Structures are given as structure tokens and as C-alpha cells.
Amino acid sequence: MIDAEQIEEWIKSGLACERVEVQGDGHHFEAVIVSAQFRGKTRVQRHQLVYGALGDRMRAEVHALSMRTLTPEESDE
């Protein structure tokens, strides 16, 4: 079974992040991801960056992931 720490590590290994926090019950997960790479991107584009970091794991291992994707400036607000 997948745990939140694994998802955090997968995101961090594929995306430069200032902060990643993932919580979940093994089936449904919620993440807060702060990255400078989100600057100038729409919410959909930000999510696509995270999906890219997760790669095939998003389809095969992670079934439900809700995300808050923020730039460092947005996280300070």
C-alpha cells in the first residue's frame, strides 16, 4: 500500500519544491505543493507538472490525489 511519505518523495524527486506535504489514508491523498516552477502557470498547468513528476505512478499506484499548488509568494499570503 502507498503511503503519504512515498508520494512526497516521488513529487520531490521529479519537481523542484520548496515544500511538499501529503496526507492520506492509503487510498485518498491530499497534497500541498509549493514550487517556484508554478509561477505564471494556470492551475491545470501546475497539476500537469505534478502529474509529470509522478509519472506512471499516477495511473498505477496513486488513485485519488487532490492538490493545492502554490508559488512561494502565494504560500506566504
PDB file of N, CA and C in Angstrom:
ATOM      1  N   MET A   1       0.845  -1.184   0.000  1.00  0.00           N
ATOM      2  CA  MET A   1       0.000   0.000   0.000  1.00  0.00           C
ATOM      3  C   MET A   1       0.891   1.249   0.000  1.00  0.00           C
ATOM      4  N   ILE A   2       0.479   2.245  -0.744  1.00  0.00           N
ATOM      5  CA  ILE A   2       1.192   3.514  -0.850  1.00  0.00           C
ATOM      6  C   ILE A   2       0.944   4.331   0.411  1.00  0.00           C
ATOM      7  N   ASP A   3       1.986   5.051   0.862  1.00  0.00           N
ATOM      8  CA  ASP A   3       1.761   5.964   1.977  1.00  0.00           C
ATOM      9  C   ASP A   3       2.142   7.385   1.566  1.00  0.00           C
ATOM     10  N   ALA A   4       1.757   8.347   2.386  1.00  0.00           N
ATOM     11  CA  ALA A   4       1.950   9.759   2.069  1.00  0.00           C
ATOM     12  C   ALA A   4       3.423  10.106   1.871  1.00  0.00           C
ATOM     13  N   GLU A   5       4.306   9.509   2.658  1.00  0.00           N
ATOM     14  CA  GLU A   5       5.732   9.801   2.540  1.00  0.00           C
ATOM     15  C   GLU A   5       6.282   9.394   1.177  1.00  0.00           C
ATOM     16  N   GLN A   6       5.808   8.278   0.652  1.00  0.00           N
ATOM     17  CA  GLN A   6       6.254   7.841  -0.679  1.00  0.00           C
ATOM     18  C   GLN A   6       5.855   8.856  -1.740  1.00  0.00           C
ATOM     19  N   ILE A   7       4.622   9.323  -1.666  1.00  0.00           N
ATOM     20  CA  ILE A   7       4.150  10.302  -2.647  1.00  0.00           C
ATOM     21  C   ILE A   7       4.961  11.587  -2.534  1.00  0.00           C
ATOM     22  N   GLU A   8       5.234  12.028  -1.314  1.00  0.00           N
ATOM     23  CA  GLU A   8       6.068  13.221  -1.117  1.00  0.00           C
ATOM     24  C   GLU A   8       7.418  13.051  -1.801  1.00  0.00           C
ATOM     25  N   GLU A   9       8.050  11.912  -1.594  1.00  0.00           N
ATOM     26  CA  GLU A   9       9.368  11.662  -2.183  1.00  0.00           C
ATOM     27  C   GLU A   9       9.305  11.631  -3.705  1.00  0.00           C
ATOM     28  N   TRP A  10       8.278  11.015  -4.263  1.00  0.00           N
ATOM     29  CA  TRP A  10       8.130  10.964  -5.714  1.00  0.00           C
ATOM     30  C   TRP A  10       7.985  12.366  -6.292  1.00  0.00           C
ATOM     31  N   ILE A  11       7.165  13.204  -5.633  1.00  0.00           N
ATOM     32  CA  ILE A  11       6.978  14.573  -6.124  1.00  0.00           C
ATOM     33  C   ILE A  11       8.297  15.336  -6.033  1.00  0.00           C
ATOM     34  N   LYS A  12       8.964  15.244  -4.878  1.00  0.00           N
ATOM     35  CA  LYS A  12      10.232  15.962  -4.684  1.00  0.00           C
ATOM     36  C   LYS A  12      11.305  15.512  -5.673  1.00  0.00           C
ATOM     37  N   SER A  13      11.299  14.248  -6.039  1.00  0.00           N
ATOM     38  CA  SER A  13      12.329  13.758  -6.959  1.00  0.00           C
ATOM     39  C   SER A  13      12.091  14.207  -8.395  1.00  0.00           C
ATOM     40  N   GLY A  14      10.866  14.604  -8.728  1.00  0.00           N
ATOM     41  CA  GLY A  14      10.565  14.997 -10.097  1.00  0.00           C
ATOM     42  C   GLY A  14      10.245  16.465 -10.292  1.00  0.00           C
ATOM     43  N   LEU A  15      10.212  17.242  -9.182  1.00  0.00           N
ATOM     44  CA  LEU A  15       9.822  18.645  -9.271  1.00  0.00           C
ATOM     45  C   LEU A  15      10.550  19.410  -8.174  1.00  0.00           C
ATOM     46  N   ALA A  16      11.185  20.516  -8.550  1.00  0.00           N
ATOM     47  CA  ALA A  16      11.865  21.344  -7.548  1.00  0.00           C
ATOM     48  C   ALA A  16      10.814  22.024  -6.680  1.00  0.00           C
ATOM     49  N   CYS A  17      10.791  21.678  -5.398  1.00  0.00           N
ATOM     50  CA  CYS A  17       9.761  22.178  -4.489  1.00  0.00           C
ATOM     51  C   CYS A  17      10.383  22.828  -3.261  1.00  0.00           C
ATOM     52  N   GLU A  18       9.761  23.878  -2.807  1.00  0.00           N
ATOM     53  CA  GLU A  18      10.143  24.482  -1.545  1.00  0.00           C
ATOM     54  C   GLU A  18       9.497  23.728  -0.381  1.00  0.00           C
ATOM     55  N   ARG A  19       8.302  23.183  -0.647  1.00  0.00           N
ATOM     56  CA  ARG A  19       7.594  22.442   0.396  1.00  0.00           C
ATOM     57  C   ARG A  19       6.619  21.461  -0.251  1.00  0.00           C
ATOM     58  N   VAL A  20       6.543  20.284   0.322  1.00  0.00           N
ATOM     59  CA  VAL A  20       5.556  19.281  -0.091  1.00  0.00           C
ATOM     60  C   VAL A  20       5.016  18.645   1.180  1.00  0.00           C
ATOM     61  N   GLU A  21       3.714  18.659   1.326  1.00  0.00           N
ATOM     62  CA  GLU A  21       3.059  17.992   2.450  1.00  0.00           C
ATOM     63  C   GLU A  21       1.936  17.128   1.890  1.00  0.00           C
ATOM     64  N   VAL A  22       1.975  15.854   2.194  1.00  0.00           N
ATOM     65  CA  VAL A  22       0.946  14.933   1.715  1.00  0.00           C
ATOM     66  C   VAL A  22       0.347  14.211   2.913  1.00  0.00           C
ATOM     67  N   GLN A  23      -0.963  14.126   2.927  1.00  0.00           N
ATOM     68  CA  GLN A  23      -1.680  13.367   3.950  1.00  0.00           C
ATOM     69  C   GLN A  23      -2.649  12.436   3.247  1.00  0.00           C
ATOM     70  N   GLY A  24      -2.932  11.301   3.883  1.00  0.00           N
ATOM     71  CA  GLY A  24      -3.892  10.400   3.277  1.00  0.00           C
ATOM     72  C   GLY A  24      -4.041   9.116   4.050  1.00  0.00           C
ATOM     73  N   ASP A  25      -4.967   8.304   3.575  1.00  0.00           N
ATOM     74  CA  ASP A  25      -5.312   7.057   4.267  1.00  0.00           C
ATOM     75  C   ASP A  25      -4.870   5.810   3.506  1.00  0.00           C
ATOM     76  N   GLY A  26      -4.026   5.995   2.488  1.00  0.00           N
ATOM     77  CA  GLY A  26      -3.596   4.865   1.681  1.00  0.00           C
ATOM     78  C   GLY A  26      -4.378   4.728   0.392  1.00  0.00           C
ATOM     79  N   HIS A  27      -5.528   5.389   0.320  1.00  0.00           N
ATOM     80  CA  HIS A  27      -6.358   5.360  -0.891  1.00  0.00           C
ATOM     81  C   HIS A  27      -6.595   6.760  -1.437  1.00  0.00           C
ATOM     82  N   HIS A  28      -6.909   7.692  -0.551  1.00  0.00           N
ATOM     83  CA  HIS A  28      -7.175   9.079  -0.924  1.00  0.00           C
ATOM     84  C   HIS A  28      -6.122   9.959  -0.261  1.00  0.00           C
ATOM     85  N   PHE A  29      -5.551  10.870  -1.066  1.00  0.00           N
ATOM     86  CA  PHE A  29      -4.473  11.719  -0.568  1.00  0.00           C
ATOM     87  C   PHE A  29      -4.765  13.179  -0.882  1.00  0.00           C
ATOM     88  N   GLU A  30      -4.246  14.050  -0.012  1.00  0.00           N
ATOM     89  CA  GLU A  30      -4.311  15.494  -0.212  1.00  0.00           C
ATOM     90  C   GLU A  30      -2.891  16.024  -0.117  1.00  0.00           C
ATOM     91  N   ALA A  31      -2.524  16.910  -1.040  1.00  0.00           N
ATOM     92  CA  ALA A  31      -1.168  17.449  -1.055  1.00  0.00           C
ATOM     93  C   ALA A  31      -1.188  18.964  -1.137  1.00  0.00           C
ATOM     94  N   VAL A  32      -0.232  19.570  -0.445  1.00  0.00           N
ATOM     95  CA  VAL A  32       0.081  20.993  -0.608  1.00  0.00           C
ATOM     96  C   VAL A  32       1.495  21.030  -1.165  1.00  0.00           C
ATOM     97  N   ILE A  33       1.631  21.643  -2.324  1.00  0.00           N
ATOM     98  CA  ILE A  33       2.918  21.661  -3.013  1.00  0.00           C
ATOM     99  C   ILE A  33       3.264  23.109  -3.325  1.00  0.00           C
ATOM    100  N   VAL A  34       4.433  23.545  -2.860  1.00  0.00           N
ATOM    101  CA  VAL A  34       4.907  24.905  -3.101  1.00  0.00           C
ATOM    102  C   VAL A  34       6.148  24.815  -3.980  1.00  0.00           C
ATOM    103  N   SER A  35       6.080  25.466  -5.142  1.00  0.00           N
ATOM    104  CA  SER A  35       7.197  25.410  -6.087  1.00  0.00           C
ATOM    105  C   SER A  35       7.279  26.696  -6.888  1.00  0.00           C
ATOM    106  N   ALA A  36       8.491  27.191  -7.063  1.00  0.00           N
ATOM    107  CA  ALA A  36       8.711  28.363  -7.918  1.00  0.00           C
ATOM    108  C   ALA A  36       8.368  28.045  -9.370  1.00  0.00           C
ATOM    109  N   GLN A  37       8.389  26.779  -9.736  1.00  0.00           N
ATOM    110  CA  GLN A  37       8.064  26.391 -11.116  1.00  0.00           C
ATOM    111  C   GLN A  37       6.598  26.640 -11.454  1.00  0.00           C
ATOM    112  N   PHE A  38       5.765  26.924 -10.450  1.00  0.00           N
ATOM    113  CA  PHE A  38       4.354  27.199 -10.702  1.00  0.00           C
ATOM    114  C   PHE A  38       4.102  28.649 -11.124  1.00  0.00           C
ATOM    115  N   ARG A  39       5.117  29.505 -10.996  1.00  0.00           N
ATOM    116  CA  ARG A  39       4.936  30.921 -11.362  1.00  0.00           C
ATOM    117  C   ARG A  39       4.489  31.045 -12.816  1.00  0.00           C
ATOM    118  N   GLY A  40       3.436  31.846 -13.027  1.00  0.00           N
ATOM    119  CA  GLY A  40       2.945  32.106 -14.376  1.00  0.00           C
ATOM    120  C   GLY A  40       2.148  30.972 -14.992  1.00  0.00           C
ATOM    121  N   LYS A  41       1.875  29.928 -14.213  1.00  0.00           N
ATOM    122  CA  LYS A  41       1.145  28.763 -14.726  1.00  0.00           C
ATOM    123  C   LYS A  41      -0.298  28.771 -14.196  1.00  0.00           C
ATOM    124  N   THR A  42      -1.198  28.244 -15.017  1.00  0.00           N
ATOM    125  CA  THR A  42      -2.578  28.066 -14.564  1.00  0.00           C
ATOM    126  C   THR A  42      -2.647  26.885 -13.599  1.00  0.00           C
ATOM    127  N   ARG A  43      -3.763  26.736 -12.945  1.00  0.00           N
ATOM    128  CA  ARG A  43      -3.935  25.602 -12.030  1.00  0.00           C
ATOM    129  C   ARG A  43      -3.790  24.273 -12.769  1.00  0.00           C
ATOM    130  N   VAL A  44      -4.341  24.187 -13.957  1.00  0.00           N
ATOM    131  CA  VAL A  44      -4.229  22.959 -14.748  1.00  0.00           C
ATOM    132  C   VAL A  44      -2.768  22.685 -15.099  1.00  0.00           C
ATOM    133  N   GLN A  45      -2.034  23.700 -15.519  1.00  0.00           N
ATOM    134  CA  GLN A  45      -0.619  23.522 -15.860  1.00  0.00           C
ATOM    135  C   GLN A  45       0.197  23.104 -14.635  1.00  0.00           C
ATOM    136  N   ARG A  46      -0.140  23.637 -13.477  1.00  0.00           N
ATOM    137  CA  ARG A  46       0.548  23.265 -12.239  1.00  0.00           C
ATOM    138  C   ARG A  46       0.300  21.794 -11.919  1.00  0.00           C
ATOM    139  N   HIS A  47      -0.942  21.384 -12.042  1.00  0.00           N
ATOM    140  CA  HIS A  47      -1.273  19.983 -11.782  1.00  0.00           C
ATOM    141  C   HIS A  47      -0.570  19.069 -12.778  1.00  0.00           C
ATOM    142  N   GLN A  48      -0.469  19.504 -14.016  1.00  0.00           N
ATOM    143  CA  GLN A  48       0.233  18.703 -15.021  1.00  0.00           C
ATOM    144  C   GLN A  48       1.702  18.516 -14.652  1.00  0.00           C
ATOM    145  N   LEU A  49       2.329  19.539 -14.071  1.00  0.00           N
ATOM    146  CA  LEU A  49       3.713  19.409 -13.617  1.00  0.00           C
ATOM    147  C   LEU A  49       3.829  18.342 -12.526  1.00  0.00           C
ATOM    148  N   VAL A  50       2.871  18.346 -11.608  1.00  0.00           N
ATOM    149  CA  VAL A  50       2.893  17.343 -10.534  1.00  0.00           C
ATOM    150  C   VAL A  50       2.638  15.952 -11.110  1.00  0.00           C
ATOM    151  N   TYR A  51       1.664  15.832 -12.008  1.00  0.00           N
ATOM    152  CA  TYR A  51       1.398  14.536 -12.642  1.00  0.00           C
ATOM    153  C   TYR A  51       2.639  14.046 -13.388  1.00  0.00           C
ATOM    154  N   GLY A  52       3.350  14.970 -14.024  1.00  0.00           N
ATOM    155  CA  GLY A  52       4.581  14.602 -14.714  1.00  0.00           C
ATOM    156  C   GLY A  52       5.630  14.067 -13.746  1.00  0.00           C
ATOM    157  N   ALA A  53       5.708  14.676 -12.562  1.00  0.00           N
ATOM    158  CA  ALA A  53       6.662  14.209 -11.549  1.00  0.00           C
ATOM    159  C   ALA A  53       6.296  12.812 -11.059  1.00  0.00           C
ATOM    160  N   LEU A  54       5.008  12.544 -10.965  1.00  0.00           N
ATOM    161  CA  LEU A  54       4.549  11.227 -10.504  1.00  0.00           C
ATOM    162  C   LEU A  54       4.622  10.178 -11.612  1.00  0.00           C
ATOM    163  N   GLY A  55       4.568  10.623 -12.861  1.00  0.00           N
ATOM    164  CA  GLY A  55       4.668   9.708 -13.996  1.00  0.00           C
ATOM    165  C   GLY A  55       3.591   8.633 -13.993  1.00  0.00           C
ATOM    166  N   ASP A  56       3.980   7.425 -14.348  1.00  0.00           N
ATOM    167  CA  ASP A  56       3.026   6.320 -14.437  1.00  0.00           C
ATOM    168  C   ASP A  56       2.442   5.933 -13.092  1.00  0.00           C
ATOM    169  N   ARG A  57       3.087   6.352 -12.013  1.00  0.00           N
ATOM    170  CA  ARG A  57       2.557   6.030 -10.678  1.00  0.00           C
ATOM    171  C   ARG A  57       1.171   6.624 -10.481  1.00  0.00           C
ATOM    172  N   MET A  58       0.900   7.741 -11.155  1.00  0.00           N
ATOM    173  CA  MET A  58      -0.407   8.392 -11.008  1.00  0.00           C
ATOM    174  C   MET A  58      -1.518   7.477 -11.496  1.00  0.00           C
ATOM    175  N   ARG A  59      -1.246   6.715 -12.515  1.00  0.00           N
ATOM    176  CA  ARG A  59      -2.277   5.804 -13.032  1.00  0.00           C
ATOM    177  C   ARG A  59      -2.258   4.467 -12.303  1.00  0.00           C
ATOM    178  N   ALA A  60      -1.074   3.991 -11.979  1.00  0.00           N
ATOM    179  CA  ALA A  60      -0.945   2.631 -11.461  1.00  0.00           C
ATOM    180  C   ALA A  60      -1.060   2.535  -9.942  1.00  0.00           C
ATOM    181  N   GLU A  61      -0.511   3.523  -9.212  1.00  0.00           N
ATOM    182  CA  GLU A  61      -0.415   3.377  -7.765  1.00  0.00           C
ATOM    183  C   GLU A  61      -1.193   4.418  -6.969  1.00  0.00           C
ATOM    184  N   VAL A  62      -1.290   5.638  -7.490  1.00  0.00           N
ATOM    185  CA  VAL A  62      -1.987   6.716  -6.792  1.00  0.00           C
ATOM    186  C   VAL A  62      -3.320   6.923  -7.491  1.00  0.00           C
ATOM    187  N   HIS A  63      -4.400   6.660  -6.793  1.00  0.00           N
ATOM    188  CA  HIS A  63      -5.707   6.699  -7.448  1.00  0.00           C
ATOM    189  C   HIS A  63      -6.479   7.981  -7.186  1.00  0.00           C
ATOM    190  N   ALA A  64      -6.283   8.596  -6.034  1.00  0.00           N
ATOM    191  CA  ALA A  64      -7.019   9.816  -5.715  1.00  0.00           C
ATOM    192  C   ALA A  64      -6.079  10.784  -5.013  1.00  0.00           C
ATOM    193  N   LEU A  65      -5.766  11.887  -5.707  1.00  0.00           N
ATOM    194  CA  LEU A  65      -4.873  12.891  -5.150  1.00  0.00           C
ATOM    195  C   LEU A  65      -5.456  14.262  -5.429  1.00  0.00           C
ATOM    196  N   SER A  66      -5.839  14.965  -4.370  1.00  0.00           N
ATOM    197  CA  SER A  66      -6.256  16.355  -4.528  1.00  0.00           C
ATOM    198  C   SER A  66      -5.069  17.228  -4.148  1.00  0.00           C
ATOM    199  N   MET A  67      -4.914  18.347  -4.846  1.00  0.00           N
ATOM    200  CA  MET A  67      -3.716  19.166  -4.678  1.00  0.00           C
ATOM    201  C   MET A  67      -4.046  20.635  -4.518  1.00  0.00           C
ATOM    202  N   ARG A  68      -3.250  21.294  -3.690  1.00  0.00           N
ATOM    203  CA  ARG A  68      -3.159  22.755  -3.657  1.00  0.00           C
ATOM    204  C   ARG A  68      -1.754  23.057  -4.147  1.00  0.00           C
ATOM    205  N   THR A  69      -1.652  23.717  -5.276  1.00  0.00           N
ATOM    206  CA  THR A  69      -0.355  24.029  -5.873  1.00  0.00           C
ATOM    207  C   THR A  69      -0.136  25.538  -5.777  1.00  0.00           C
ATOM    208  N   LEU A  70       0.925  25.930  -5.085  1.00  0.00           N
ATOM    209  CA  LEU A  70       1.164  27.335  -4.797  1.00  0.00           C
ATOM    210  C   LEU A  70       2.584  27.743  -5.172  1.00  0.00           C
ATOM    211  N   THR A  71       2.748  29.014  -5.543  1.00  0.00           N
ATOM    212  CA  THR A  71       4.094  29.568  -5.669  1.00  0.00           C
ATOM    213  C   THR A  71       4.552  29.938  -4.262  1.00  0.00           C
ATOM    214  N   PRO A  72       5.846  30.162  -4.072  1.00  0.00           N
ATOM    215  CA  PRO A  72       6.315  30.585  -2.738  1.00  0.00           C
ATOM    216  C   PRO A  72       5.608  31.860  -2.261  1.00  0.00           C
ATOM    217  N   GLU A  73       5.353  32.796  -3.174  1.00  0.00           N
ATOM    218  CA  GLU A  73       4.667  34.030  -2.801  1.00  0.00           C
ATOM    219  C   GLU A  73       3.234  33.767  -2.350  1.00  0.00           C
ATOM    220  N   GLU A  74       2.549  32.882  -3.035  1.00  0.00           N
ATOM    221  CA  GLU A  74       1.169  32.553  -2.655  1.00  0.00           C
ATOM    222  C   GLU A  74       1.116  31.839  -1.302  1.00  0.00           C
ATOM    223  N   SER A  75       2.127  31.078  -0.993  1.00  0.00           N
ATOM    224  CA  SER A  75       2.116  30.348   0.279  1.00  0.00           C
ATOM    225  C   SER A  75       2.382  31.270   1.463  1.00  0.00           C
ATOM    226  N   ASP A  76       2.989  32.433   1.198  1.00  0.00           N
ATOM    227  CA  ASP A  76       3.261  33.410   2.262  1.00  0.00           C
ATOM    228  C   ASP A  76       2.058  34.281   2.575  1.00  0.00           C
ATOM    229  N   GLU A  77       1.050  34.255   1.708  1.00  0.00           N
ATOM    230  CA  GLU A  77      -0.122  35.127   1.889  1.00  0.00           C
ATOM    231  C   GLU A  77      -0.980  34.673   3.031  1.00  0.00           C
TER     232      GLU A  77
END
